[in-house]
Amino acid sequence: MAKPIEPTPVLKGDDAYEFVAEMEKQKKASAEEKARVAKGAAFIRSLLTFSF
């Protein structure tokens, strides 16, 4: 049997501040990138034709 997955520990103190600072450094996706991803997703959806 598989071992149970333990809960992720809560970040406290300096670790929490470092995590938040690292998350704020992440750049947001531009409108062009969002459009490119949406176009790719639409293409993949067009290929998926399920008939049950």
PDB file of N, CA and C in Angstrom:
ATOM      1  N   MET A   1       0.826  -1.180   0.000  1.00  0.00           N
ATOM      2  CA  MET A   1       0.000   0.000   0.000  1.00  0.00           C
ATOM      3  C   MET A   1       0.874   1.248   0.000  1.00  0.00           C
ATOM      4  N   ALA A   2       0.319   2.306  -0.504  1.00  0.00           N
ATOM      5  CA  ALA A   2       1.047   3.574  -0.558  1.00  0.00           C
ATOM      6  C   ALA A   2       1.075   4.226   0.816  1.00  0.00           C
ATOM      7  N   LYS A   3       2.129   4.970   1.055  1.00  0.00           N
ATOM      8  CA  LYS A   3       2.246   5.694   2.316  1.00  0.00           C
ATOM      9  C   LYS A   3       1.379   6.948   2.248  1.00  0.00           C
ATOM     10  N   PRO A   4       0.731   7.317   3.342  1.00  0.00           N
ATOM     11  CA  PRO A   4      -0.079   8.540   3.325  1.00  0.00           C
ATOM     12  C   PRO A   4       0.805   9.776   3.183  1.00  0.00           C
ATOM     13  N   ILE A   5       0.284  10.768   2.513  1.00  0.00           N
ATOM     14  CA  ILE A   5       1.013  12.023   2.316  1.00  0.00           C
ATOM     15  C   ILE A   5       0.773  12.910   3.530  1.00  0.00           C
ATOM     16  N   GLU A   6       1.864  13.381   4.110  1.00  0.00           N
ATOM     17  CA  GLU A   6       1.745  14.241   5.280  1.00  0.00           C
ATOM     18  C   GLU A   6       1.380  15.661   4.847  1.00  0.00           C
ATOM     19  N   PRO A   7       0.660  16.391   5.693  1.00  0.00           N
ATOM     20  CA  PRO A   7       0.302  17.770   5.348  1.00  0.00           C
ATOM     21  C   PRO A   7       1.545  18.652   5.231  1.00  0.00           C
ATOM     22  N   THR A   8       1.455  19.637   4.365  1.00  0.00           N
ATOM     23  CA  THR A   8       2.548  20.590   4.192  1.00  0.00           C
ATOM     24  C   THR A   8       2.632  21.475   5.430  1.00  0.00           C
ATOM     25  N   PRO A   9       3.827  21.645   5.985  1.00  0.00           N
ATOM     26  CA  PRO A   9       3.945  22.482   7.182  1.00  0.00           C
ATOM     27  C   PRO A   9       3.667  23.955   6.871  1.00  0.00           C
ATOM     28  N   VAL A  10       3.175  24.664   7.862  1.00  0.00           N
ATOM     29  CA  VAL A  10       2.881  26.087   7.727  1.00  0.00           C
ATOM     30  C   VAL A  10       4.183  26.870   7.804  1.00  0.00           C
ATOM     31  N   LEU A  11       4.347  27.842   6.898  1.00  0.00           N
ATOM     32  CA  LEU A  11       5.543  28.686   6.936  1.00  0.00           C
ATOM     33  C   LEU A  11       5.377  29.746   8.013  1.00  0.00           C
ATOM     34  N   LYS A  12       6.437  29.931   8.785  1.00  0.00           N
ATOM     35  CA  LYS A  12       6.393  30.917   9.866  1.00  0.00           C
ATOM     36  C   LYS A  12       7.668  31.739   9.851  1.00  0.00           C
ATOM     37  N   GLY A  13       7.580  32.943  10.386  1.00  0.00           N
ATOM     38  CA  GLY A  13       8.761  33.786  10.573  1.00  0.00           C
ATOM     39  C   GLY A  13       9.432  34.194   9.272  1.00  0.00           C
ATOM     40  N   ASP A  14      10.771  34.087   9.263  1.00  0.00           N
ATOM     41  CA  ASP A  14      11.550  34.516   8.100  1.00  0.00           C
ATOM     42  C   ASP A  14      11.209  33.709   6.855  1.00  0.00           C
ATOM     43  N   ASP A  15      10.904  32.418   7.028  1.00  0.00           N
ATOM     44  CA  ASP A  15      10.552  31.588   5.880  1.00  0.00           C
ATOM     45  C   ASP A  15       9.309  32.127   5.179  1.00  0.00           C
ATOM     46  N   ALA A  16       8.338  32.585   5.943  1.00  0.00           N
ATOM     47  CA  ALA A  16       7.113  33.132   5.362  1.00  0.00           C
ATOM     48  C   ALA A  16       7.408  34.415   4.601  1.00  0.00           C
ATOM     49  N   TYR A  17       8.232  35.294   5.171  1.00  0.00           N
ATOM     50  CA  TYR A  17       8.582  36.541   4.497  1.00  0.00           C
ATOM     51  C   TYR A  17       9.350  36.270   3.203  1.00  0.00           C
ATOM     52  N   GLU A  18      10.269  35.309   3.248  1.00  0.00           N
ATOM     53  CA  GLU A  18      11.044  34.966   2.052  1.00  0.00           C
ATOM     54  C   GLU A  18      10.143  34.392   0.967  1.00  0.00           C
ATOM     55  N   PHE A  19       9.178  33.569   1.362  1.00  0.00           N
ATOM     56  CA  PHE A  19       8.260  32.981   0.394  1.00  0.00           C
ATOM     57  C   PHE A  19       7.426  34.057  -0.288  1.00  0.00           C
ATOM     58  N   VAL A  20       6.880  34.975   0.492  1.00  0.00           N
ATOM     59  CA  VAL A  20       6.062  36.053  -0.073  1.00  0.00           C
ATOM     60  C   VAL A  20       6.902  36.921  -1.000  1.00  0.00           C
ATOM     61  N   ALA A  21       8.129  37.239  -0.604  1.00  0.00           N
ATOM     62  CA  ALA A  21       9.004  38.054  -1.446  1.00  0.00           C
ATOM     63  C   ALA A  21       9.304  37.341  -2.759  1.00  0.00           C
ATOM     64  N   GLU A  22       9.524  36.038  -2.706  1.00  0.00           N
ATOM     65  CA  GLU A  22       9.811  35.263  -3.920  1.00  0.00           C
ATOM     66  C   GLU A  22       8.584  35.225  -4.836  1.00  0.00           C
ATOM     67  N   MET A  23       7.392  35.107  -4.262  1.00  0.00           N
ATOM     68  CA  MET A  23       6.172  35.079  -5.064  1.00  0.00           C
ATOM     69  C   MET A  23       5.922  36.426  -5.736  1.00  0.00           C
ATOM     70  N   GLU A  24       6.283  37.517  -5.063  1.00  0.00           N
ATOM     71  CA  GLU A  24       6.082  38.841  -5.648  1.00  0.00           C
ATOM     72  C   GLU A  24       7.052  39.106  -6.791  1.00  0.00           C
ATOM     73  N   LYS A  25       8.172  38.386  -6.836  1.00  0.00           N
ATOM     74  CA  LYS A  25       9.143  38.562  -7.914  1.00  0.00           C
ATOM     75  C   LYS A  25       8.677  37.916  -9.216  1.00  0.00           C
ATOM     76  N   GLN A  26       7.755  36.960  -9.116  1.00  0.00           N
ATOM     77  CA  GLN A  26       7.289  36.257 -10.304  1.00  0.00           C
ATOM     78  C   GLN A  26       6.572  37.238 -11.225  1.00  0.00           C
ATOM     79  N   LYS A  27       6.919  37.198 -12.508  1.00  0.00           N
ATOM     80  CA  LYS A  27       6.279  38.116 -13.443  1.00  0.00           C
ATOM     81  C   LYS A  27       4.916  37.577 -13.858  1.00  0.00           C
ATOM     82  N   LYS A  28       4.012  38.473 -14.111  1.00  0.00           N
ATOM     83  CA  LYS A  28       2.673  38.108 -14.555  1.00  0.00           C
ATOM     84  C   LYS A  28       2.702  37.865 -16.061  1.00  0.00           C
ATOM     85  N   ALA A  29       1.797  37.025 -16.535  1.00  0.00           N
ATOM     86  CA  ALA A  29       1.715  36.742 -17.961  1.00  0.00           C
ATOM     87  C   ALA A  29       1.173  37.969 -18.688  1.00  0.00           C
ATOM     88  N   SER A  30       1.782  38.276 -19.829  1.00  0.00           N
ATOM     89  CA  SER A  30       1.329  39.413 -20.622  1.00  0.00           C
ATOM     90  C   SER A  30       0.053  39.035 -21.374  1.00  0.00           C
ATOM     91  N   ALA A  31      -0.615  40.025 -21.913  1.00  0.00           N
ATOM     92  CA  ALA A  31      -1.839  39.779 -22.679  1.00  0.00           C
ATOM     93  C   ALA A  31      -1.536  38.923 -23.903  1.00  0.00           C
ATOM     94  N   GLU A  32      -0.373  39.153 -24.529  1.00  0.00           N
ATOM     95  CA  GLU A  32       0.001  38.363 -25.704  1.00  0.00           C
ATOM     96  C   GLU A  32       0.210  36.898 -25.323  1.00  0.00           C
ATOM     97  N   GLU A  33       0.856  36.675 -24.183  1.00  0.00           N
ATOM     98  CA  GLU A  33       1.101  35.299 -23.756  1.00  0.00           C
ATOM     99  C   GLU A  33      -0.205  34.599 -23.402  1.00  0.00           C
ATOM    100  N   LYS A  34      -1.113  35.316 -22.743  1.00  0.00           N
ATOM    101  CA  LYS A  34      -2.413  34.737 -22.410  1.00  0.00           C
ATOM    102  C   LYS A  34      -3.180  34.372 -23.674  1.00  0.00           C
ATOM    103  N   ALA A  35      -3.122  35.246 -24.700  1.00  0.00           N
ATOM    104  CA  ALA A  35      -3.809  34.973 -25.965  1.00  0.00           C
ATOM    105  C   ALA A  35      -3.195  33.764 -26.655  1.00  0.00           C
ATOM    106  N   ARG A  36      -1.868  33.651 -26.605  1.00  0.00           N
ATOM    107  CA  ARG A  36      -1.182  32.515 -27.236  1.00  0.00           C
ATOM    108  C   ARG A  36      -1.585  31.204 -26.563  1.00  0.00           C
ATOM    109  N   VAL A  37      -1.649  31.215 -25.247  1.00  0.00           N
ATOM    110  CA  VAL A  37      -2.035  30.013 -24.510  1.00  0.00           C
ATOM    111  C   VAL A  37      -3.491  29.658 -24.800  1.00  0.00           C
ATOM    112  N   ALA A  38      -4.368  30.650 -24.847  1.00  0.00           N
ATOM    113  CA  ALA A  38      -5.782  30.401 -25.134  1.00  0.00           C
ATOM    114  C   ALA A  38      -5.954  29.826 -26.531  1.00  0.00           C
ATOM    115  N   LYS A  39      -5.179  30.334 -27.497  1.00  0.00           N
ATOM    116  CA  LYS A  39      -5.258  29.822 -28.868  1.00  0.00           C
ATOM    117  C   LYS A  39      -4.803  28.363 -28.910  1.00  0.00           C
ATOM    118  N   GLY A  40      -3.727  28.048 -28.204  1.00  0.00           N
ATOM    119  CA  GLY A  40      -3.242  26.669 -28.152  1.00  0.00           C
ATOM    120  C   GLY A  40      -4.246  25.741 -27.494  1.00  0.00           C
ATOM    121  N   ALA A  41      -4.877  26.203 -26.417  1.00  0.00           N
ATOM    122  CA  ALA A  41      -5.876  25.391 -25.729  1.00  0.00           C
ATOM    123  C   ALA A  41      -7.087  25.151 -26.624  1.00  0.00           C
ATOM    124  N   ALA A  42      -7.495  26.167 -27.375  1.00  0.00           N
ATOM    125  CA  ALA A  42      -8.629  26.011 -28.295  1.00  0.00           C
ATOM    126  C   ALA A  42      -8.287  24.995 -29.381  1.00  0.00           C
ATOM    127  N   PHE A  43      -7.043  25.023 -29.854  1.00  0.00           N
ATOM    128  CA  PHE A  43      -6.619  24.065 -30.880  1.00  0.00           C
ATOM    129  C   PHE A  43      -6.668  22.642 -30.331  1.00  0.00           C
ATOM    130  N   ILE A  44      -6.176  22.459 -29.123  1.00  0.00           N
ATOM    131  CA  ILE A  44      -6.190  21.123 -28.519  1.00  0.00           C
ATOM    132  C   ILE A  44      -7.620  20.655 -28.300  1.00  0.00           C
ATOM    133  N   ARG A  45      -8.508  21.563 -27.844  1.00  0.00           N
ATOM    134  CA  ARG A  45      -9.916  21.189 -27.665  1.00  0.00           C
ATOM    135  C   ARG A  45     -10.545  20.788 -28.991  1.00  0.00           C
ATOM    136  N   SER A  46     -10.123  21.423 -30.095  1.00  0.00           N
ATOM    137  CA  SER A  46     -10.692  21.074 -31.399  1.00  0.00           C
ATOM    138  C   SER A  46     -10.252  19.681 -31.840  1.00  0.00           C
ATOM    139  N   LEU A  47      -9.097  19.231 -31.359  1.00  0.00           N
ATOM    140  CA  LEU A  47      -8.613  17.899 -31.709  1.00  0.00           C
ATOM    141  C   LEU A  47      -9.300  16.803 -30.901  1.00  0.00           C
ATOM    142  N   LEU A  48      -9.791  17.152 -29.732  1.00  0.00           N
ATOM    143  CA  LEU A  48     -10.414  16.167 -28.859  1.00  0.00           C
ATOM    144  C   LEU A  48     -11.879  16.005 -29.226  1.00  0.00           C
ATOM    145  N   THR A  49     -12.167  14.929 -29.895  1.00  0.00           N
ATOM    146  CA  THR A  49     -13.558  14.647 -30.257  1.00  0.00           C
ATOM    147  C   THR A  49     -13.930  13.310 -29.647  1.00  0.00           C
ATOM    148  N   PHE A  50     -14.688  13.370 -28.586  1.00  0.00           N
ATOM    149  CA  PHE A  50     -15.122  12.157 -27.914  1.00  0.00           C
ATOM    150  C   PHE A  50     -16.527  11.819 -28.378  1.00  0.00           C
ATOM    151  N   SER A  51     -16.713  10.589 -28.778  1.00  0.00           N
ATOM    152  CA  SER A  51     -18.064  10.141 -29.120  1.00  0.00           C
ATOM    153  C   SER A  51     -18.325   8.855 -28.350  1.00  0.00           C
ATOM    154  N   PHE A  52     -19.284   8.932 -27.447  1.00  0.00           N
ATOM    155  CA  PHE A  52     -19.600   7.773 -26.621  1.00  0.00           C
ATOM    156  C   PHE A  52     -20.869   7.141 -27.094  1.00  0.00           C
TER     157      PHE A  52
END
